[in-house]
PDB file of N, CA and C in Angstrom:
ATOM      1  N   MET A   1     -18.540   7.036 -16.279  1.00  0.00           N
ATOM      2  CA  MET A   1     -18.550   6.275 -15.038  1.00  0.00           C
ATOM      3  C   MET A   1     -19.296   7.061 -13.960  1.00  0.00           C
ATOM      4  N   PRO A   2     -20.033   6.392 -13.111  1.00  0.00           N
ATOM      5  CA  PRO A   2     -20.735   7.075 -12.017  1.00  0.00           C
ATOM      6  C   PRO A   2     -19.736   7.742 -11.066  1.00  0.00           C
ATOM      7  N   SER A   3     -20.114   8.902 -10.550  1.00  0.00           N
ATOM      8  CA  SER A   3     -19.281   9.604  -9.568  1.00  0.00           C
ATOM      9  C   SER A   3     -20.197  10.408  -8.649  1.00  0.00           C
ATOM     10  N   LEU A   4     -19.676  10.728  -7.466  1.00  0.00           N
ATOM     11  CA  LEU A   4     -20.440  11.522  -6.506  1.00  0.00           C
ATOM     12  C   LEU A   4     -20.607  12.940  -7.041  1.00  0.00           C
ATOM     13  N   LYS A   5     -21.842  13.397  -7.094  1.00  0.00           N
ATOM     14  CA  LYS A   5     -22.149  14.749  -7.546  1.00  0.00           C
ATOM     15  C   LYS A   5     -23.062  15.411  -6.530  1.00  0.00           C
ATOM     16  N   SER A   6     -23.001  16.705  -6.464  1.00  0.00           N
ATOM     17  CA  SER A   6     -23.897  17.434  -5.570  1.00  0.00           C
ATOM     18  C   SER A   6     -25.291  17.482  -6.180  1.00  0.00           C
ATOM     19  N   ALA A   7     -26.285  17.249  -5.365  1.00  0.00           N
ATOM     20  CA  ALA A   7     -27.674  17.340  -5.818  1.00  0.00           C
ATOM     21  C   ALA A   7     -28.346  18.482  -5.066  1.00  0.00           C
ATOM     22  N   GLY A   8     -29.023  19.337  -5.799  1.00  0.00           N
ATOM     23  CA  GLY A   8     -29.736  20.446  -5.186  1.00  0.00           C
ATOM     24  C   GLY A   8     -30.981  19.954  -4.464  1.00  0.00           C
ATOM     25  N   CYS A   9     -31.544  20.792  -3.639  1.00  0.00           N
ATOM     26  CA  CYS A   9     -32.723  20.427  -2.842  1.00  0.00           C
ATOM     27  C   CYS A   9     -33.909  19.996  -3.691  1.00  0.00           C
ATOM     28  N   ASP A  10     -34.076  20.590  -4.866  1.00  0.00           N
ATOM     29  CA  ASP A  10     -35.243  20.308  -5.708  1.00  0.00           C
ATOM     30  C   ASP A  10     -34.996  19.200  -6.729  1.00  0.00           C
ATOM     31  N   GLU A  11     -33.779  18.695  -6.823  1.00  0.00           N
ATOM     32  CA  GLU A  11     -33.471  17.664  -7.813  1.00  0.00           C
ATOM     33  C   GLU A  11     -33.992  16.310  -7.360  1.00  0.00           C
ATOM     34  N   GLU A  12     -34.464  15.542  -8.327  1.00  0.00           N
ATOM     35  CA  GLU A  12     -35.020  14.226  -8.035  1.00  0.00           C
ATOM     36  C   GLU A  12     -33.988  13.121  -8.182  1.00  0.00           C
ATOM     37  N   CYS A  13     -32.841  13.401  -8.713  1.00  0.00           N
ATOM     38  CA  CYS A  13     -31.794  12.397  -8.935  1.00  0.00           C
ATOM     39  C   CYS A  13     -30.481  12.893  -8.331  1.00  0.00           C
ATOM     40  N   GLY A  14     -29.536  11.965  -8.201  1.00  0.00           N
ATOM     41  CA  GLY A  14     -28.188  12.357  -7.787  1.00  0.00           C
ATOM     42  C   GLY A  14     -27.832  12.058  -6.355  1.00  0.00           C
ATOM     43  N   ARG A  15     -28.658  11.299  -5.654  1.00  0.00           N
ATOM     44  CA  ARG A  15     -28.364  11.007  -4.242  1.00  0.00           C
ATOM     45  C   ARG A  15     -27.988   9.547  -3.990  1.00  0.00           C
ATOM     46  N   GLY A  16     -28.178   8.691  -4.976  1.00  0.00           N
ATOM     47  CA  GLY A  16     -27.954   7.256  -4.790  1.00  0.00           C
ATOM     48  C   GLY A  16     -26.549   6.896  -4.358  1.00  0.00           C
ATOM     49  N   LEU A  17     -25.546   7.442  -5.020  1.00  0.00           N
ATOM     50  CA  LEU A  17     -24.168   7.121  -4.654  1.00  0.00           C
ATOM     51  C   LEU A  17     -23.803   7.695  -3.291  1.00  0.00           C
ATOM     52  N   HIS A  18     -24.396   8.822  -2.910  1.00  0.00           N
ATOM     53  CA  HIS A  18     -24.152   9.367  -1.563  1.00  0.00           C
ATOM     54  C   HIS A  18     -24.695   8.406  -0.505  1.00  0.00           C
ATOM     55  N   LEU A  19     -25.872   7.841  -0.753  1.00  0.00           N
ATOM     56  CA  LEU A  19     -26.435   6.850   0.172  1.00  0.00           C
ATOM     57  C   LEU A  19     -25.554   5.607   0.227  1.00  0.00           C
ATOM     58  N   LEU A  20     -25.120   5.146  -0.930  1.00  0.00           N
ATOM     59  CA  LEU A  20     -24.260   3.966  -0.997  1.00  0.00           C
ATOM     60  C   LEU A  20     -22.951   4.217  -0.244  1.00  0.00           C
ATOM     61  N   ALA A  21     -22.333   5.362  -0.477  1.00  0.00           N
ATOM     62  CA  ALA A  21     -21.066   5.689   0.182  1.00  0.00           C
ATOM     63  C   ALA A  21     -21.232   5.779   1.700  1.00  0.00           C
ATOM     64  N   ALA A  22     -22.387   6.249   2.161  1.00  0.00           N
ATOM     65  CA  ALA A  22     -22.620   6.372   3.601  1.00  0.00           C
ATOM     66  C   ALA A  22     -22.823   5.017   4.259  1.00  0.00           C
ATOM     67  N   LEU A  23     -23.402   4.072   3.546  1.00  0.00           N
ATOM     68  CA  LEU A  23     -23.719   2.765   4.122  1.00  0.00           C
ATOM     69  C   LEU A  23     -22.629   1.729   3.936  1.00  0.00           C
ATOM     70  N   ALA A  24     -21.849   1.845   2.880  1.00  0.00           N
ATOM     71  CA  ALA A  24     -20.883   0.809   2.530  1.00  0.00           C
ATOM     72  C   ALA A  24     -19.510   1.087   3.124  1.00  0.00           C
ATOM     73  N   MET A  25     -18.753  -0.006   3.361  1.00  0.00           N
ATOM     74  CA  MET A  25     -17.374   0.121   3.790  1.00  0.00           C
ATOM     75  C   MET A  25     -16.513   0.639   2.638  1.00  0.00           C
ATOM     76  N   ASP A  26     -16.814   0.156   1.433  1.00  0.00           N
ATOM     77  CA  ASP A  26     -16.092   0.559   0.244  1.00  0.00           C
ATOM     78  C   ASP A  26     -17.006   0.375  -0.953  1.00  0.00           C
ATOM     79  N   TRP A  27     -16.770   1.113  -2.010  1.00  0.00           N
ATOM     80  CA  TRP A  27     -17.567   0.963  -3.214  1.00  0.00           C
ATOM     81  C   TRP A  27     -16.755   1.438  -4.408  1.00  0.00           C
ATOM     82  N   GLY A  28     -17.204   1.080  -5.593  1.00  0.00           N
ATOM     83  CA  GLY A  28     -16.508   1.491  -6.793  1.00  0.00           C
ATOM     84  C   GLY A  28     -17.327   1.142  -8.024  1.00  0.00           C
ATOM     85  N   THR A  29     -16.740   1.391  -9.182  1.00  0.00           N
ATOM     86  CA  THR A  29     -17.407   1.098 -10.447  1.00  0.00           C
ATOM     87  C   THR A  29     -16.450   0.318 -11.333  1.00  0.00           C
ATOM     88  N   VAL A  30     -17.001  -0.488 -12.215  1.00  0.00           N
ATOM     89  CA  VAL A  30     -16.210  -1.239 -13.191  1.00  0.00           C
ATOM     90  C   VAL A  30     -16.945  -1.227 -14.521  1.00  0.00           C
ATOM     91  N   LEU A  31     -16.167  -1.238 -15.572  1.00  0.00           N
ATOM     92  CA  LEU A  31     -16.744  -1.376 -16.904  1.00  0.00           C
ATOM     93  C   LEU A  31     -16.965  -2.853 -17.172  1.00  0.00           C
ATOM     94  N   THR A  32     -18.100  -3.185 -17.740  1.00  0.00           N
ATOM     95  CA  THR A  32     -18.426  -4.570 -18.092  1.00  0.00           C
ATOM     96  C   THR A  32     -18.764  -4.628 -19.577  1.00  0.00           C
ATOM     97  N   ALA A  33     -18.930  -5.846 -20.084  1.00  0.00           N
ATOM     98  CA  ALA A  33     -19.303  -6.010 -21.489  1.00  0.00           C
ATOM     99  C   ALA A  33     -20.658  -5.363 -21.773  1.00  0.00           C
ATOM    100  N   ALA A  34     -21.520  -5.316 -20.772  1.00  0.00           N
ATOM    101  CA  ALA A  34     -22.859  -4.744 -20.942  1.00  0.00           C
ATOM    102  C   ALA A  34     -22.903  -3.246 -20.641  1.00  0.00           C
ATOM    103  N   GLY A  35     -21.819  -2.672 -20.144  1.00  0.00           N
ATOM    104  CA  GLY A  35     -21.809  -1.248 -19.812  1.00  0.00           C
ATOM    105  C   GLY A  35     -20.979  -0.960 -18.582  1.00  0.00           C
ATOM    106  N   LYS A  36     -21.643  -0.723 -17.461  1.00  0.00           N
ATOM    107  CA  LYS A  36     -20.940  -0.410 -16.220  1.00  0.00           C
ATOM    108  C   LYS A  36     -21.678  -1.077 -15.059  1.00  0.00           C
ATOM    109  N   ALA A  37     -20.952  -1.245 -13.960  1.00  0.00           N
ATOM    110  CA  ALA A  37     -21.548  -1.815 -12.749  1.00  0.00           C
ATOM    111  C   ALA A  37     -20.986  -1.071 -11.549  1.00  0.00           C
ATOM    112  N   VAL A  38     -21.824  -0.902 -10.547  1.00  0.00           N
ATOM    113  CA  VAL A  38     -21.410  -0.313  -9.276  1.00  0.00           C
ATOM    114  C   VAL A  38     -21.393  -1.438  -8.260  1.00  0.00           C
ATOM    115  N   TRP A  39     -20.300  -1.555  -7.499  1.00  0.00           N
ATOM    116  CA  TRP A  39     -20.186  -2.588  -6.480  1.00  0.00           C
ATOM    117  C   TRP A  39     -19.985  -1.915  -5.127  1.00  0.00           C
ATOM    118  N   CYS A  40     -20.289  -2.663  -4.056  1.00  0.00           N
ATOM    119  CA  CYS A  40     -20.050  -2.144  -2.710  1.00  0.00           C
ATOM    120  C   CYS A  40     -19.772  -3.289  -1.757  1.00  0.00           C
ATOM    121  N   GLU A  41     -19.110  -2.968  -0.668  1.00  0.00           N
ATOM    122  CA  GLU A  41     -18.850  -3.917   0.414  1.00  0.00           C
ATOM    123  C   GLU A  41     -19.581  -3.418   1.649  1.00  0.00           C
ATOM    124  N   ILE A  42     -20.494  -4.228   2.139  1.00  0.00           N
ATOM    125  CA  ILE A  42     -21.239  -3.881   3.340  1.00  0.00           C
ATOM    126  C   ILE A  42     -20.750  -4.802   4.456  1.00  0.00           C
ATOM    127  N   PRO A  43     -20.275  -4.246   5.572  1.00  0.00           N
ATOM    128  CA  PRO A  43     -19.722  -5.087   6.650  1.00  0.00           C
ATOM    129  C   PRO A  43     -20.794  -5.966   7.278  1.00  0.00           C
ATOM    130  N   PHE A  44     -20.414  -7.200   7.545  1.00  0.00           N
ATOM    131  CA  PHE A  44     -21.295  -8.122   8.243  1.00  0.00           C
ATOM    132  C   PHE A  44     -20.439  -8.962   9.174  1.00  0.00           C
ATOM    133  N   ASN A  45     -20.639  -8.801  10.479  1.00  0.00           N
ATOM    134  CA  ASN A  45     -19.855  -9.578  11.438  1.00  0.00           C
ATOM    135  C   ASN A  45     -20.648  -9.828  12.712  1.00  0.00           C
ATOM    136  N   SER A  46     -21.853 -10.293  12.565  1.00  0.00           N
ATOM    137  CA  SER A  46     -22.714 -10.682  13.688  1.00  0.00           C
ATOM    138  C   SER A  46     -23.022  -9.539  14.642  1.00  0.00           C
ATOM    139  N   GLY A  47     -22.892  -8.301  14.198  1.00  0.00           N
ATOM    140  CA  GLY A  47     -23.285  -7.170  15.029  1.00  0.00           C
ATOM    141  C   GLY A  47     -22.275  -6.756  16.073  1.00  0.00           C
ATOM    142  N   ARG A  48     -21.162  -7.460  16.213  1.00  0.00           N
ATOM    143  CA  ARG A  48     -20.213  -7.111  17.264  1.00  0.00           C
ATOM    144  C   ARG A  48     -19.649  -5.710  17.068  1.00  0.00           C
ATOM    145  N   SER A  49     -19.221  -5.413  15.847  1.00  0.00           N
ATOM    146  CA  SER A  49     -18.665  -4.086  15.601  1.00  0.00           C
ATOM    147  C   SER A  49     -19.728  -3.021  15.811  1.00  0.00           C
ATOM    148  N   CYS A  50     -20.964  -3.292  15.387  1.00  0.00           N
ATOM    149  CA  CYS A  50     -22.033  -2.310  15.550  1.00  0.00           C
ATOM    150  C   CYS A  50     -22.255  -2.000  17.033  1.00  0.00           C
ATOM    151  N   ARG A  51     -22.228  -3.002  17.893  1.00  0.00           N
ATOM    152  CA  ARG A  51     -22.416  -2.766  19.331  1.00  0.00           C
ATOM    153  C   ARG A  51     -21.273  -1.940  19.886  1.00  0.00           C
ATOM    154  N   ARG A  52     -20.049  -2.188  19.394  1.00  0.00           N
ATOM    155  CA  ARG A  52     -18.909  -1.399  19.853  1.00  0.00           C
ATOM    156  C   ARG A  52     -19.101   0.058  19.457  1.00  0.00           C
ATOM    157  N   VAL A  53     -19.579   0.293  18.239  1.00  0.00           N
ATOM    158  CA  VAL A  53     -19.810   1.656  17.778  1.00  0.00           C
ATOM    159  C   VAL A  53     -20.913   2.295  18.606  1.00  0.00           C
ATOM    160  N   GLU A  54     -21.979   1.543  18.899  1.00  0.00           N
ATOM    161  CA  GLU A  54     -23.068   2.066  19.728  1.00  0.00           C
ATOM    162  C   GLU A  54     -22.560   2.466  21.107  1.00  0.00           C
ATOM    163  N   ARG A  55     -21.708   1.639  21.703  1.00  0.00           N
ATOM    164  CA  ARG A  55     -21.166   1.957  23.027  1.00  0.00           C
ATOM    165  C   ARG A  55     -20.310   3.217  22.965  1.00  0.00           C
ATOM    166  N   ALA A  56     -19.534   3.373  21.901  1.00  0.00           N
ATOM    167  CA  ALA A  56     -18.711   4.574  21.764  1.00  0.00           C
ATOM    168  C   ALA A  56     -19.591   5.811  21.619  1.00  0.00           C
ATOM    169  N   VAL A  57     -20.663   5.699  20.856  1.00  0.00           N
ATOM    170  CA  VAL A  57     -21.586   6.829  20.691  1.00  0.00           C
ATOM    171  C   VAL A  57     -22.217   7.187  22.024  1.00  0.00           C
ATOM    172  N   GLU A  58     -22.630   6.180  22.798  1.00  0.00           N
ATOM    173  CA  GLU A  58     -23.208   6.437  24.121  1.00  0.00           C
ATOM    174  C   GLU A  58     -22.217   7.184  25.007  1.00  0.00           C
ATOM    175  N   ALA A  59     -20.957   6.763  24.969  1.00  0.00           N
ATOM    176  CA  ALA A  59     -19.936   7.436  25.779  1.00  0.00           C
ATOM    177  C   ALA A  59     -19.731   8.871  25.310  1.00  0.00           C
ATOM    178  N   LEU A  60     -19.679   9.061  23.991  1.00  0.00           N
ATOM    179  CA  LEU A  60     -19.491  10.406  23.454  1.00  0.00           C
ATOM    180  C   LEU A  60     -20.664  11.314  23.789  1.00  0.00           C
ATOM    181  N   GLU A  61     -21.881  10.779  23.727  1.00  0.00           N
ATOM    182  CA  GLU A  61     -23.050  11.576  24.082  1.00  0.00           C
ATOM    183  C   GLU A  61     -23.017  11.960  25.557  1.00  0.00           C
ATOM    184  N   GLY A  62     -22.519  11.059  26.395  1.00  0.00           N
ATOM    185  CA  GLY A  62     -22.376  11.372  27.813  1.00  0.00           C
ATOM    186  C   GLY A  62     -21.392  12.494  28.056  1.00  0.00           C
ATOM    187  N   TYR A  63     -20.269  12.462  27.340  1.00  0.00           N
ATOM    188  CA  TYR A  63     -19.297  13.542  27.457  1.00  0.00           C
ATOM    189  C   TYR A  63     -19.888  14.847  26.944  1.00  0.00           C
ATOM    190  N   GLN A  64     -20.580  14.767  25.814  1.00  0.00           N
ATOM    191  CA  GLN A  64     -21.155  15.960  25.205  1.00  0.00           C
ATOM    192  C   GLN A  64     -22.188  16.601  26.125  1.00  0.00           C
ATOM    193  N   ALA A  65     -22.970  15.770  26.799  1.00  0.00           N
ATOM    194  CA  ALA A  65     -24.008  16.278  27.692  1.00  0.00           C
ATOM    195  C   ALA A  65     -23.453  16.725  29.042  1.00  0.00           C
ATOM    196  N   GLY A  66     -22.157  16.505  29.252  1.00  0.00           N
ATOM    197  CA  GLY A  66     -21.547  16.911  30.514  1.00  0.00           C
ATOM    198  C   GLY A  66     -21.736  15.892  31.617  1.00  0.00           C
ATOM    199  N   GLY A  67     -22.223  14.700  31.238  1.00  0.00           N
ATOM    200  CA  GLY A  67     -22.423  13.646  32.231  1.00  0.00           C
ATOM    201  C   GLY A  67     -21.121  12.954  32.554  1.00  0.00           C
ATOM    202  N   GLU A  68     -21.178  12.091  33.518  1.00  0.00           N
ATOM    203  CA  GLU A  68     -19.996  11.346  33.917  1.00  0.00           C
ATOM    204  C   GLU A  68     -19.846  10.116  33.049  1.00  0.00           C
ATOM    205  N   SER A  69     -18.598   9.789  32.700  1.00  0.00           N
ATOM    206  CA  SER A  69     -18.334   8.577  31.938  1.00  0.00           C
ATOM    207  C   SER A  69     -18.403   7.370  32.864  1.00  0.00           C
ATOM    208  N   ALA A  70     -18.463   6.198  32.271  1.00  0.00           N
ATOM    209  CA  ALA A  70     -18.499   4.968  33.067  1.00  0.00           C
ATOM    210  C   ALA A  70     -17.236   4.853  33.909  1.00  0.00           C
ATOM    211  N   ALA A  71     -16.112   5.319  33.383  1.00  0.00           N
ATOM    212  CA  ALA A  71     -14.862   5.235  34.136  1.00  0.00           C
ATOM    213  C   ALA A  71     -14.913   6.132  35.372  1.00  0.00           C
ATOM    214  N   ARG A  72     -15.514   7.333  35.237  1.00  0.00           N
ATOM    215  CA  ARG A  72     -15.608   8.233  36.384  1.00  0.00           C
ATOM    216  C   ARG A  72     -16.599   7.704  37.410  1.00  0.00           C
ATOM    217  N   GLN A  73     -17.680   7.089  36.938  1.00  0.00           N
ATOM    218  CA  GLN A  73     -18.660   6.539  37.866  1.00  0.00           C
ATOM    219  C   GLN A  73     -18.059   5.403  38.678  1.00  0.00           C
ATOM    220  N   GLY A  74     -17.132   4.657  38.069  1.00  0.00           N
ATOM    221  CA  GLY A  74     -16.517   3.524  38.756  1.00  0.00           C
ATOM    222  C   GLY A  74     -15.282   3.893  39.547  1.00  0.00           C
ATOM    223  N   LYS A  75     -14.943   5.169  39.576  1.00  0.00           N
ATOM    224  CA  LYS A  75     -13.737   5.606  40.275  1.00  0.00           C
ATOM    225  C   LYS A  75     -13.821   5.208  41.742  1.00  0.00           C
ATOM    226  N   GLY A  76     -12.730   4.627  42.219  1.00  0.00           N
ATOM    227  CA  GLY A  76     -12.695   4.190  43.599  1.00  0.00           C
ATOM    228  C   GLY A  76     -12.962   2.696  43.717  1.00  0.00           C
ATOM    229  N   GLN A  77     -13.653   2.124  42.750  1.00  0.00           N
ATOM    230  CA  GLN A  77     -13.886   0.689  42.794  1.00  0.00           C
ATOM    231  C   GLN A  77     -12.613  -0.043  42.413  1.00  0.00           C
ATOM    232  N   GLY A  78     -11.891   0.478  41.409  1.00  0.00           N
ATOM    233  CA  GLY A  78     -10.593  -0.050  41.048  1.00  0.00           C
ATOM    234  C   GLY A  78     -10.603  -1.370  40.316  1.00  0.00           C
ATOM    235  N   ILE A  79     -11.628  -2.183  40.483  1.00  0.00           N
ATOM    236  CA  ILE A  79     -11.658  -3.503  39.866  1.00  0.00           C
ATOM    237  C   ILE A  79     -12.107  -3.364  38.417  1.00  0.00           C
ATOM    238  N   GLY A  80     -11.207  -3.714  37.492  1.00  0.00           N
ATOM    239  CA  GLY A  80     -11.539  -3.696  36.087  1.00  0.00           C
ATOM    240  C   GLY A  80     -11.565  -2.322  35.459  1.00  0.00           C
ATOM    241  N   LEU A  81     -11.184  -1.302  36.195  1.00  0.00           N
ATOM    242  CA  LEU A  81     -11.226   0.054  35.663  1.00  0.00           C
ATOM    243  C   LEU A  81     -10.252   0.215  34.505  1.00  0.00           C
ATOM    244  N   GLU A  82      -9.061  -0.350  34.649  1.00  0.00           N
ATOM    245  CA  GLU A  82      -8.076  -0.260  33.579  1.00  0.00           C
ATOM    246  C   GLU A  82      -8.585  -0.950  32.322  1.00  0.00           C
ATOM    247  N   GLU A  83      -9.176  -2.118  32.472  1.00  0.00           N
ATOM    248  CA  GLU A  83      -9.727  -2.845  31.328  1.00  0.00           C
ATOM    249  C   GLU A  83     -10.889  -2.079  30.700  1.00  0.00           C
ATOM    250  N   SER A  84     -11.706  -1.423  31.519  1.00  0.00           N
ATOM    251  CA  SER A  84     -12.813  -0.616  30.998  1.00  0.00           C
ATOM    252  C   SER A  84     -12.291   0.541  30.150  1.00  0.00           C
ATOM    253  N   ALA A  85     -11.216   1.155  30.590  1.00  0.00           N
ATOM    254  CA  ALA A  85     -10.634   2.263  29.833  1.00  0.00           C
ATOM    255  C   ALA A  85     -10.101   1.766  28.491  1.00  0.00           C
ATOM    256  N   ILE A  86      -9.473   0.610  28.487  1.00  0.00           N
ATOM    257  CA  ILE A  86      -8.966   0.033  27.242  1.00  0.00           C
ATOM    258  C   ILE A  86     -10.119  -0.285  26.297  1.00  0.00           C
ATOM    259  N   GLU A  87     -11.196  -0.843  26.831  1.00  0.00           N
ATOM    260  CA  GLU A  87     -12.372  -1.149  26.009  1.00  0.00           C
ATOM    261  C   GLU A  87     -12.986   0.133  25.432  1.00  0.00           C
ATOM    262  N   LEU A  88     -13.022   1.198  26.231  1.00  0.00           N
ATOM    263  CA  LEU A  88     -13.572   2.470  25.758  1.00  0.00           C
ATOM    264  C   LEU A  88     -12.731   3.014  24.601  1.00  0.00           C
ATOM    265  N   ILE A  89     -11.418   2.960  24.740  1.00  0.00           N
ATOM    266  CA  ILE A  89     -10.547   3.432  23.665  1.00  0.00           C
ATOM    267  C   ILE A  89     -10.757   2.594  22.407  1.00  0.00           C
ATOM    268  N   ALA A  90     -10.852   1.271  22.559  1.00  0.00           N
ATOM    269  CA  ALA A  90     -11.108   0.398  21.403  1.00  0.00           C
ATOM    270  C   ALA A  90     -12.452   0.726  20.757  1.00  0.00           C
ATOM    271  N   ASP A  91     -13.467   0.977  21.573  1.00  0.00           N
ATOM    272  CA  ASP A  91     -14.783   1.347  21.041  1.00  0.00           C
ATOM    273  C   ASP A  91     -14.703   2.639  20.244  1.00  0.00           C
ATOM    274  N   LEU A  92     -13.971   3.613  20.754  1.00  0.00           N
ATOM    275  CA  LEU A  92     -13.833   4.883  20.054  1.00  0.00           C
ATOM    276  C   LEU A  92     -13.093   4.717  18.727  1.00  0.00           C
ATOM    277  N   LEU A  93     -12.120   3.817  18.691  1.00  0.00           N
ATOM    278  CA  LEU A  93     -11.424   3.560  17.430  1.00  0.00           C
ATOM    279  C   LEU A  93     -12.361   2.895  16.424  1.00  0.00           C
ATOM    280  N   HIS A  94     -13.207   1.979  16.898  1.00  0.00           N
ATOM    281  CA  HIS A  94     -14.212   1.376  16.009  1.00  0.00           C
ATOM    282  C   HIS A  94     -15.164   2.449  15.488  1.00  0.00           C
ATOM    283  N   TRP A  95     -15.580   3.358  16.360  1.00  0.00           N
ATOM    284  CA  TRP A  95     -16.487   4.437  15.962  1.00  0.00           C
ATOM    285  C   TRP A  95     -15.837   5.322  14.905  1.00  0.00           C
ATOM    286  N   SER A  96     -14.569   5.674  15.118  1.00  0.00           N
ATOM    287  CA  SER A  96     -13.890   6.552  14.167  1.00  0.00           C
ATOM    288  C   SER A  96     -13.774   5.883  12.798  1.00  0.00           C
ATOM    289  N   ALA A  97     -13.475   4.584  12.780  1.00  0.00           N
ATOM    290  CA  ALA A  97     -13.390   3.867  11.502  1.00  0.00           C
ATOM    291  C   ALA A  97     -14.763   3.773  10.845  1.00  0.00           C
ATOM    292  N   ALA A  98     -15.808   3.547  11.640  1.00  0.00           N
ATOM    293  CA  ALA A  98     -17.161   3.457  11.086  1.00  0.00           C
ATOM    294  C   ALA A  98     -17.605   4.777  10.478  1.00  0.00           C
ATOM    295  N   CYS A  99     -17.046   5.885  10.965  1.00  0.00           N
ATOM    296  CA  CYS A  99     -17.371   7.209  10.422  1.00  0.00           C
ATOM    297  C   CYS A  99     -16.458   7.585   9.265  1.00  0.00           C
ATOM    298  N   GLY A 100     -15.584   6.677   8.860  1.00  0.00           N
ATOM    299  CA  GLY A 100     -14.710   6.931   7.720  1.00  0.00           C
ATOM    300  C   GLY A 100     -13.415   7.643   8.056  1.00  0.00           C
ATOM    301  N   HIS A 101     -13.061   7.695   9.325  1.00  0.00           N
ATOM    302  CA  HIS A 101     -11.822   8.356   9.740  1.00  0.00           C
ATOM    303  C   HIS A 101     -10.718   7.318   9.919  1.00  0.00           C
ATOM    304  N   ASP A 102      -9.501   7.789   9.994  1.00  0.00           N
ATOM    305  CA  ASP A 102      -8.341   6.930  10.216  1.00  0.00           C
ATOM    306  C   ASP A 102      -8.105   6.801  11.727  1.00  0.00           C
ATOM    307  N   PRO A 103      -8.272   5.586  12.288  1.00  0.00           N
ATOM    308  CA  PRO A 103      -8.075   5.422  13.739  1.00  0.00           C
ATOM    309  C   PRO A 103      -6.678   5.825  14.211  1.00  0.00           C
ATOM    310  N   ASP A 104      -5.647   5.592  13.383  1.00  0.00           N
ATOM    311  CA  ASP A 104      -4.295   5.998  13.773  1.00  0.00           C
ATOM    312  C   ASP A 104      -4.186   7.513  13.895  1.00  0.00           C
ATOM    313  N   ASP A 105      -4.856   8.219  13.002  1.00  0.00           N
ATOM    314  CA  ASP A 105      -4.874   9.686  13.080  1.00  0.00           C
ATOM    315  C   ASP A 105      -5.543  10.131  14.369  1.00  0.00           C
ATOM    316  N   PHE A 106      -6.651   9.468  14.746  1.00  0.00           N
ATOM    317  CA  PHE A 106      -7.324   9.807  16.003  1.00  0.00           C
ATOM    318  C   PHE A 106      -6.399   9.586  17.194  1.00  0.00           C
ATOM    319  N   LEU A 107      -5.667   8.473  17.209  1.00  0.00           N
ATOM    320  CA  LEU A 107      -4.734   8.208  18.309  1.00  0.00           C
ATOM    321  C   LEU A 107      -3.652   9.280  18.379  1.00  0.00           C
ATOM    322  N   ASP A 108      -3.108   9.643  17.219  1.00  0.00           N
ATOM    323  CA  ASP A 108      -2.064  10.675  17.185  1.00  0.00           C
ATOM    324  C   ASP A 108      -2.590  12.005  17.708  1.00  0.00           C
ATOM    325  N   ARG A 109      -3.785  12.385  17.264  1.00  0.00           N
ATOM    326  CA  ARG A 109      -4.370  13.646  17.701  1.00  0.00           C
ATOM    327  C   ARG A 109      -4.692  13.621  19.195  1.00  0.00           C
ATOM    328  N   ALA A 110      -5.189  12.498  19.690  1.00  0.00           N
ATOM    329  CA  ALA A 110      -5.485  12.376  21.125  1.00  0.00           C
ATOM    330  C   ALA A 110      -4.202  12.489  21.942  1.00  0.00           C
ATOM    331  N   GLN A 111      -3.131  11.856  21.470  1.00  0.00           N
ATOM    332  CA  GLN A 111      -1.844  11.924  22.167  1.00  0.00           C
ATOM    333  C   GLN A 111      -1.334  13.361  22.212  1.00  0.00           C
ATOM    334  N   MET A 112      -1.433  14.084  21.083  1.00  0.00           N
ATOM    335  CA  MET A 112      -0.999  15.486  21.044  1.00  0.00           C
ATOM    336  C   MET A 112      -1.843  16.324  21.992  1.00  0.00           C
ATOM    337  N   HIS A 113      -3.150  16.082  22.024  1.00  0.00           N
ATOM    338  CA  HIS A 113      -4.039  16.820  22.924  1.00  0.00           C
ATOM    339  C   HIS A 113      -3.662  16.554  24.386  1.00  0.00           C
ATOM    340  N   TYR A 114      -3.434  15.295  24.700  1.00  0.00           N
ATOM    341  CA  TYR A 114      -3.039  14.890  26.055  1.00  0.00           C
ATOM    342  C   TYR A 114      -1.724  15.574  26.464  1.00  0.00           C
ATOM    343  N   GLU A 115      -0.736  15.529  25.589  1.00  0.00           N
ATOM    344  CA  GLU A 115       0.569  16.110  25.897  1.00  0.00           C
ATOM    345  C   GLU A 115       0.471  17.630  26.038  1.00  0.00           C
ATOM    346  N   ALA A 116      -0.371  18.268  25.217  1.00  0.00           N
ATOM    347  CA  ALA A 116      -0.548  19.727  25.336  1.00  0.00           C
ATOM    348  C   ALA A 116      -1.166  20.082  26.675  1.00  0.00           C
ATOM    349  N   GLU A 117      -2.121  19.281  27.130  1.00  0.00           N
ATOM    350  CA  GLU A 117      -2.731  19.545  28.437  1.00  0.00           C
ATOM    351  C   GLU A 117      -1.712  19.355  29.565  1.00  0.00           C
ATOM    352  N   LEU A 118      -0.849  18.358  29.438  1.00  0.00           N
ATOM    353  CA  LEU A 118       0.187  18.148  30.459  1.00  0.00           C
ATOM    354  C   LEU A 118       1.155  19.321  30.509  1.00  0.00           C
ATOM    355  N   ASP A 119       1.537  19.803  29.329  1.00  0.00           N
ATOM    356  CA  ASP A 119       2.469  20.933  29.268  1.00  0.00           C
ATOM    357  C   ASP A 119       1.847  22.204  29.850  1.00  0.00           C
ATOM    358  N   ALA A 120       0.544  22.370  29.651  1.00  0.00           N
ATOM    359  CA  ALA A 120      -0.153  23.562  30.143  1.00  0.00           C
ATOM    360  C   ALA A 120      -0.327  23.540  31.656  1.00  0.00           C
ATOM    361  N   ALA A 121      -0.336  22.351  32.234  1.00  0.00           N
ATOM    362  CA  ALA A 121      -0.598  22.213  33.684  1.00  0.00           C
ATOM    363  C   ALA A 121       0.588  22.573  34.531  1.00  0.00           C
TER     364      ALA A 121
END
């Protein structure tokens, strides 16, 4: 059965399943009467999830670069700020799932980080 294997820099084969795993939501193999088959699930939902992931990446790049987030830029306006924060958190959860992480784990870790900062203050 096909499985993920490490391919050296000079090898001409062995990267196909790595590409498939990176692009697909899920994949696997099955035995058939003719031999074997590899299947995959590629998400398709009119681009909505992709835009959410793009927005999360933009926000993360802003934090990484030391820039101000959209929430900080809107500070003092007050209108819709709470909803913007909720949307940002939802976008980050979409991003974490798109990267193959568990969104619940991210929430738990963020909560622990938040509580540790409160205790330190």
